[in-house]
PDB file of N, CA and C in Angstrom:
ATOM      1  N   MET A   1     -50.136  12.627  -5.294  1.00  0.00           N
ATOM      2  CA  MET A   1     -51.316  13.315  -5.709  1.00  0.00           C
ATOM      3  C   MET A   1     -51.385  14.658  -4.976  1.00  0.00           C
ATOM      4  N   THR A   2     -50.996  15.698  -5.618  1.00  0.00           N
ATOM      5  CA  THR A   2     -51.057  17.027  -5.019  1.00  0.00           C
ATOM      6  C   THR A   2     -52.215  17.783  -5.629  1.00  0.00           C
ATOM      7  N   ARG A   3     -52.789  18.618  -4.815  1.00  0.00           N
ATOM      8  CA  ARG A   3     -53.936  19.395  -5.271  1.00  0.00           C
ATOM      9  C   ARG A   3     -53.590  20.866  -5.113  1.00  0.00           C
ATOM     10  N   ASP A   4     -53.695  21.611  -6.161  1.00  0.00           N
ATOM     11  CA  ASP A   4     -53.432  23.046  -6.103  1.00  0.00           C
ATOM     12  C   ASP A   4     -54.665  23.745  -5.562  1.00  0.00           C
ATOM     13  N   SER A   5     -54.428  24.651  -4.615  1.00  0.00           N
ATOM     14  CA  SER A   5     -55.560  25.392  -4.069  1.00  0.00           C
ATOM     15  C   SER A   5     -55.857  26.578  -4.976  1.00  0.00           C
ATOM     16  N   ALA A   6     -57.124  26.867  -5.090  1.00  0.00           N
ATOM     17  CA  ALA A   6     -57.545  27.980  -5.932  1.00  0.00           C
ATOM     18  C   ALA A   6     -57.196  29.286  -5.236  1.00  0.00           C
ATOM     19  N   PRO A   7     -56.819  30.298  -5.974  1.00  0.00           N
ATOM     20  CA  PRO A   7     -56.526  31.592  -5.341  1.00  0.00           C
ATOM     21  C   PRO A   7     -57.790  32.176  -4.715  1.00  0.00           C
ATOM     22  N   THR A   8     -57.593  32.866  -3.605  1.00  0.00           N
ATOM     23  CA  THR A   8     -58.710  33.468  -2.887  1.00  0.00           C
ATOM     24  C   THR A   8     -59.190  34.695  -3.648  1.00  0.00           C
ATOM     25  N   PRO A   9     -60.498  34.816  -3.854  1.00  0.00           N
ATOM     26  CA  PRO A   9     -61.002  35.991  -4.563  1.00  0.00           C
ATOM     27  C   PRO A   9     -60.712  37.271  -3.781  1.00  0.00           C
ATOM     28  N   PRO A  10     -60.451  38.356  -4.476  1.00  0.00           N
ATOM     29  CA  PRO A  10     -60.129  39.622  -3.778  1.00  0.00           C
ATOM     30  C   PRO A  10     -61.273  40.126  -2.892  1.00  0.00           C
ATOM     31  N   GLU A  11     -62.526  39.834  -3.263  1.00  0.00           N
ATOM     32  CA  GLU A  11     -63.649  40.282  -2.433  1.00  0.00           C
ATOM     33  C   GLU A  11     -63.615  39.605  -1.066  1.00  0.00           C
ATOM     34  N   LEU A  12     -63.247  38.325  -1.057  1.00  0.00           N
ATOM     35  CA  LEU A  12     -63.158  37.594   0.204  1.00  0.00           C
ATOM     36  C   LEU A  12     -62.013  38.122   1.055  1.00  0.00           C
ATOM     37  N   GLN A  13     -60.906  38.433   0.433  1.00  0.00           N
ATOM     38  CA  GLN A  13     -59.763  38.994   1.162  1.00  0.00           C
ATOM     39  C   GLN A  13     -60.120  40.352   1.759  1.00  0.00           C
ATOM     40  N   MET A  14     -60.821  41.178   0.993  1.00  0.00           N
ATOM     41  CA  MET A  14     -61.215  42.499   1.508  1.00  0.00           C
ATOM     42  C   MET A  14     -62.218  42.367   2.659  1.00  0.00           C
ATOM     43  N   ALA A  15     -63.166  41.443   2.527  1.00  0.00           N
ATOM     44  CA  ALA A  15     -64.151  41.252   3.591  1.00  0.00           C
ATOM     45  C   ALA A  15     -63.475  40.750   4.863  1.00  0.00           C
ATOM     46  N   LEU A  16     -62.555  39.808   4.694  1.00  0.00           N
ATOM     47  CA  LEU A  16     -61.840  39.281   5.851  1.00  0.00           C
ATOM     48  C   LEU A  16     -60.991  40.367   6.503  1.00  0.00           C
ATOM     49  N   SER A  17     -60.343  41.186   5.706  1.00  0.00           N
ATOM     50  CA  SER A  17     -59.532  42.270   6.242  1.00  0.00           C
ATOM     51  C   SER A  17     -60.395  43.310   6.959  1.00  0.00           C
ATOM     52  N   ALA A  18     -61.568  43.583   6.407  1.00  0.00           N
ATOM     53  CA  ALA A  18     -62.444  44.594   7.000  1.00  0.00           C
ATOM     54  C   ALA A  18     -63.072  44.104   8.307  1.00  0.00           C
ATOM     55  N   LEU A  19     -63.253  42.795   8.456  1.00  0.00           N
ATOM     56  CA  LEU A  19     -63.917  42.264   9.651  1.00  0.00           C
ATOM     57  C   LEU A  19     -62.956  41.847  10.759  1.00  0.00           C
ATOM     58  N   THR A  20     -61.676  41.822  10.490  1.00  0.00           N
ATOM     59  CA  THR A  20     -60.714  41.377  11.494  1.00  0.00           C
ATOM     60  C   THR A  20     -60.634  42.344  12.667  1.00  0.00           C
ATOM     61  N   LEU A  21     -60.472  43.619  12.391  1.00  0.00           N
ATOM     62  CA  LEU A  21     -60.336  44.602  13.471  1.00  0.00           C
ATOM     63  C   LEU A  21     -61.596  44.687  14.342  1.00  0.00           C
ATOM     64  N   PRO A  22     -62.808  44.769  13.774  1.00  0.00           N
ATOM     65  CA  PRO A  22     -63.992  44.791  14.655  1.00  0.00           C
ATOM     66  C   PRO A  22     -64.127  43.527  15.498  1.00  0.00           C
ATOM     67  N   PHE A  23     -63.720  42.392  14.959  1.00  0.00           N
ATOM     68  CA  PHE A  23     -63.799  41.145  15.719  1.00  0.00           C
ATOM     69  C   PHE A  23     -62.849  41.181  16.911  1.00  0.00           C
ATOM     70  N   ILE A  24     -61.632  41.628  16.690  1.00  0.00           N
ATOM     71  CA  ILE A  24     -60.650  41.705  17.773  1.00  0.00           C
ATOM     72  C   ILE A  24     -61.081  42.738  18.811  1.00  0.00           C
ATOM     73  N   LEU A  25     -61.587  43.870  18.353  1.00  0.00           N
ATOM     74  CA  LEU A  25     -62.065  44.889  19.299  1.00  0.00           C
ATOM     75  C   LEU A  25     -63.257  44.368  20.109  1.00  0.00           C
ATOM     76  N   GLY A  26     -64.116  43.575  19.480  1.00  0.00           N
ATOM     77  CA  GLY A  26     -65.237  42.980  20.207  1.00  0.00           C
ATOM     78  C   GLY A  26     -64.765  42.027  21.290  1.00  0.00           C
ATOM     79  N   LEU A  27     -63.752  41.226  20.985  1.00  0.00           N
ATOM     80  CA  LEU A  27     -63.206  40.321  21.999  1.00  0.00           C
ATOM     81  C   LEU A  27     -62.602  41.087  23.165  1.00  0.00           C
ATOM     82  N   VAL A  28     -61.895  42.145  22.865  1.00  0.00           N
ATOM     83  CA  VAL A  28     -61.296  42.964  23.928  1.00  0.00           C
ATOM     84  C   VAL A  28     -62.391  43.615  24.769  1.00  0.00           C
ATOM     85  N   ALA A  29     -63.438  44.104  24.107  1.00  0.00           N
ATOM     86  CA  ALA A  29     -64.533  44.743  24.841  1.00  0.00           C
ATOM     87  C   ALA A  29     -65.256  43.736  25.735  1.00  0.00           C
ATOM     88  N   LEU A  30     -65.465  42.518  25.245  1.00  0.00           N
ATOM     89  CA  LEU A  30     -66.119  41.497  26.071  1.00  0.00           C
ATOM     90  C   LEU A  30     -65.265  41.116  27.274  1.00  0.00           C
ATOM     91  N   THR A  31     -63.961  41.057  27.075  1.00  0.00           N
ATOM     92  CA  THR A  31     -63.068  40.754  28.191  1.00  0.00           C
ATOM     93  C   THR A  31     -63.137  41.858  29.241  1.00  0.00           C
ATOM     94  N   ALA A  32     -63.115  43.103  28.787  1.00  0.00           N
ATOM     95  CA  ALA A  32     -63.191  44.223  29.727  1.00  0.00           C
ATOM     96  C   ALA A  32     -64.541  44.254  30.437  1.00  0.00           C
ATOM     97  N   ALA A  33     -65.622  43.978  29.714  1.00  0.00           N
ATOM     98  CA  ALA A  33     -66.950  43.964  30.333  1.00  0.00           C
ATOM     99  C   ALA A  33     -67.050  42.842  31.364  1.00  0.00           C
ATOM    100  N   GLY A  34     -66.476  41.702  31.063  1.00  0.00           N
ATOM    101  CA  GLY A  34     -66.479  40.596  32.030  1.00  0.00           C
ATOM    102  C   GLY A  34     -65.729  40.948  33.289  1.00  0.00           C
ATOM    103  N   GLN A  35     -64.610  41.620  33.137  1.00  0.00           N
ATOM    104  CA  GLN A  35     -63.830  42.043  34.302  1.00  0.00           C
ATOM    105  C   GLN A  35     -64.611  43.056  35.137  1.00  0.00           C
ATOM    106  N   GLN A  36     -65.284  43.993  34.479  1.00  0.00           N
ATOM    107  CA  GLN A  36     -66.067  44.992  35.205  1.00  0.00           C
ATOM    108  C   GLN A  36     -67.228  44.335  35.955  1.00  0.00           C
ATOM    109  N   LEU A  37     -67.884  43.365  35.331  1.00  0.00           N
ATOM    110  CA  LEU A  37     -68.977  42.669  36.015  1.00  0.00           C
ATOM    111  C   LEU A  37     -68.477  41.862  37.201  1.00  0.00           C
ATOM    112  N   ARG A  38     -67.307  41.269  37.069  1.00  0.00           N
ATOM    113  CA  ARG A  38     -66.721  40.517  38.175  1.00  0.00           C
ATOM    114  C   ARG A  38     -66.434  41.456  39.349  1.00  0.00           C
ATOM    115  N   GLU A  39     -65.869  42.628  39.051  1.00  0.00           N
ATOM    116  CA  GLU A  39     -65.580  43.597  40.109  1.00  0.00           C
ATOM    117  C   GLU A  39     -66.866  44.119  40.742  1.00  0.00           C
ATOM    118  N   LEU A  40     -67.902  44.313  39.933  1.00  0.00           N
ATOM    119  CA  LEU A  40     -69.188  44.761  40.466  1.00  0.00           C
ATOM    120  C   LEU A  40     -69.761  43.713  41.410  1.00  0.00           C
ATOM    121  N   GLY A  41     -69.599  42.442  41.078  1.00  0.00           N
ATOM    122  CA  GLY A  41     -70.058  41.370  41.958  1.00  0.00           C
ATOM    123  C   GLY A  41     -69.323  41.370  43.281  1.00  0.00           C
ATOM    124  N   GLU A  42     -68.021  41.621  43.238  1.00  0.00           N
ATOM    125  CA  GLU A  42     -67.244  41.669  44.479  1.00  0.00           C
ATOM    126  C   GLU A  42     -67.662  42.855  45.334  1.00  0.00           C
ATOM    127  N   VAL A  43     -67.945  43.986  44.710  1.00  0.00           N
ATOM    128  CA  VAL A  43     -68.389  45.159  45.462  1.00  0.00           C
ATOM    129  C   VAL A  43     -69.750  44.887  46.097  1.00  0.00           C
ATOM    130  N   SER A  44     -70.642  44.231  45.372  1.00  0.00           N
ATOM    131  CA  SER A  44     -71.959  43.950  45.945  1.00  0.00           C
ATOM    132  C   SER A  44     -71.854  42.958  47.102  1.00  0.00           C
ATOM    133  N   GLU A  45     -70.904  42.027  47.031  1.00  0.00           N
ATOM    134  CA  GLU A  45     -70.696  41.122  48.167  1.00  0.00           C
ATOM    135  C   GLU A  45     -70.257  41.903  49.397  1.00  0.00           C
ATOM    136  N   GLU A  46     -69.386  42.857  49.206  1.00  0.00           N
ATOM    137  CA  GLU A  46     -68.931  43.674  50.336  1.00  0.00           C
ATOM    138  C   GLU A  46     -70.079  44.508  50.892  1.00  0.00           C
ATOM    139  N   LEU A  47     -70.948  44.969  50.023  1.00  0.00           N
ATOM    140  CA  LEU A  47     -72.071  45.796  50.458  1.00  0.00           C
ATOM    141  C   LEU A  47     -73.036  44.992  51.331  1.00  0.00           C
ATOM    142  N   PHE A  48     -73.277  43.747  50.960  1.00  0.00           N
ATOM    143  CA  PHE A  48     -74.235  42.931  51.683  1.00  0.00           C
ATOM    144  C   PHE A  48     -73.574  42.004  52.699  1.00  0.00           C
ATOM    145  N   ARG A  49     -72.386  42.313  53.086  1.00  0.00           N
ATOM    146  CA  ARG A  49     -71.683  41.505  54.079  1.00  0.00           C
ATOM    147  C   ARG A  49     -72.393  41.623  55.422  1.00  0.00           C
ATOM    148  N   GLY A  50     -72.379  40.574  56.199  1.00  0.00           N
ATOM    149  CA  GLY A  50     -73.141  40.524  57.446  1.00  0.00           C
ATOM    150  C   GLY A  50     -72.725  41.529  58.492  1.00  0.00           C
ATOM    151  N   ASP A  51     -71.466  41.942  58.533  1.00  0.00           N
ATOM    152  CA  ASP A  51     -71.048  42.850  59.586  1.00  0.00           C
ATOM    153  C   ASP A  51     -71.511  44.282  59.325  1.00  0.00           C
ATOM    154  N   ARG A  52     -72.030  44.558  58.164  1.00  0.00           N
ATOM    155  CA  ARG A  52     -72.529  45.906  57.869  1.00  0.00           C
ATOM    156  C   ARG A  52     -74.044  45.993  57.985  1.00  0.00           C
ATOM    157  N   LEU A  53     -74.707  44.871  58.128  1.00  0.00           N
ATOM    158  CA  LEU A  53     -76.154  44.865  58.238  1.00  0.00           C
ATOM    159  C   LEU A  53     -76.550  44.783  59.707  1.00  0.00           C
ATOM    160  N   PRO A  54     -77.661  45.392  60.072  1.00  0.00           N
ATOM    161  CA  PRO A  54     -78.092  45.302  61.466  1.00  0.00           C
ATOM    162  C   PRO A  54     -78.603  43.898  61.768  1.00  0.00           C
ATOM    163  N   VAL A  55     -78.480  43.505  63.022  1.00  0.00           N
ATOM    164  CA  VAL A  55     -78.993  42.214  63.467  1.00  0.00           C
ATOM    165  C   VAL A  55     -80.475  42.389  63.742  1.00  0.00           C
ATOM    166  N   LEU A  56     -81.290  41.566  63.117  1.00  0.00           N
ATOM    167  CA  LEU A  56     -82.735  41.664  63.296  1.00  0.00           C
ATOM    168  C   LEU A  56     -83.163  40.811  64.480  1.00  0.00           C
ATOM    169  N   PRO A  57     -83.981  41.370  65.371  1.00  0.00           N
ATOM    170  CA  PRO A  57     -84.465  40.567  66.495  1.00  0.00           C
ATOM    171  C   PRO A  57     -85.539  39.590  65.998  1.00  0.00           C
ATOM    172  N   LEU A  58     -85.342  38.320  66.266  1.00  0.00           N
ATOM    173  CA  LEU A  58     -86.311  37.301  65.870  1.00  0.00           C
ATOM    174  C   LEU A  58     -87.012  36.772  67.112  1.00  0.00           C
ATOM    175  N   PRO A  59     -88.298  36.539  66.998  1.00  0.00           N
ATOM    176  CA  PRO A  59     -89.015  35.984  68.165  1.00  0.00           C
ATOM    177  C   PRO A  59     -88.604  34.533  68.364  1.00  0.00           C
ATOM    178  N   PRO A  60     -88.700  34.047  69.604  1.00  0.00           N
ATOM    179  CA  PRO A  60     -88.397  32.630  69.854  1.00  0.00           C
ATOM    180  C   PRO A  60     -89.370  31.740  69.084  1.00  0.00           C
ATOM    181  N   LEU A  61     -88.978  30.495  68.847  1.00  0.00           N
ATOM    182  CA  LEU A  61     -89.813  29.589  68.086  1.00  0.00           C
ATOM    183  C   LEU A  61     -91.142  29.296  68.781  1.00  0.00           C
ATOM    184  N   ALA A  62     -91.138  29.218  70.120  1.00  0.00           N
ATOM    185  CA  ALA A  62     -92.376  28.931  70.850  1.00  0.00           C
ATOM    186  C   ALA A  62     -93.357  30.074  70.700  1.00  0.00           C
ATOM    187  N   ALA A  63     -92.894  31.308  70.674  1.00  0.00           N
ATOM    188  CA  ALA A  63     -93.759  32.453  70.540  1.00  0.00           C
ATOM    189  C   ALA A  63     -94.315  32.564  69.121  1.00  0.00           C
ATOM    190  N   ALA A  64     -93.642  31.943  68.177  1.00  0.00           N
ATOM    191  CA  ALA A  64     -94.103  32.004  66.801  1.00  0.00           C
ATOM    192  C   ALA A  64     -95.171  30.956  66.505  1.00  0.00           C
ATOM    193  N   GLY A  65     -95.517  30.122  67.522  1.00  0.00           N
ATOM    194  CA  GLY A  65     -96.576  29.135  67.324  1.00  0.00           C
ATOM    195  C   GLY A  65     -96.048  27.760  67.001  1.00  0.00           C
ATOM    196  N   ARG A  66     -94.765  27.548  67.054  1.00  0.00           N
ATOM    197  CA  ARG A  66     -94.188  26.236  66.783  1.00  0.00           C
ATOM    198  C   ARG A  66     -93.662  25.662  68.093  1.00  0.00           C
ATOM    199  N   GLU A  67     -94.136  24.491  68.422  1.00  0.00           N
ATOM    200  CA  GLU A  67     -93.682  23.833  69.630  1.00  0.00           C
ATOM    201  C   GLU A  67     -93.041  22.514  69.255  1.00  0.00           C
ATOM    202  N   ASP A  68     -91.924  22.216  69.870  1.00  0.00           N
ATOM    203  CA  ASP A  68     -91.260  20.940  69.630  1.00  0.00           C
ATOM    204  C   ASP A  68     -91.793  19.924  70.632  1.00  0.00           C
ATOM    205  N   THR A  69     -92.336  18.816  70.139  1.00  0.00           N
ATOM    206  CA  THR A  69     -92.853  17.780  71.044  1.00  0.00           C
ATOM    207  C   THR A  69     -92.221  16.459  70.738  1.00  0.00           C
TER     208      THR A  69
END
């Protein structure tokens, strides 16, 4: 039992051909944007790294009103 497939209408072929390139370009653009965001995250980690921030003086716990009993 074989079934013959119907030929694809030319309008569908043209639509598929017209949408292929924008779809591929969109995938490439999303990949590039993801890479740029990843690099931006790494740069922000370096910016907020502890050795570049000043050490803040904190009062002792007893002076802050908390006593351990």
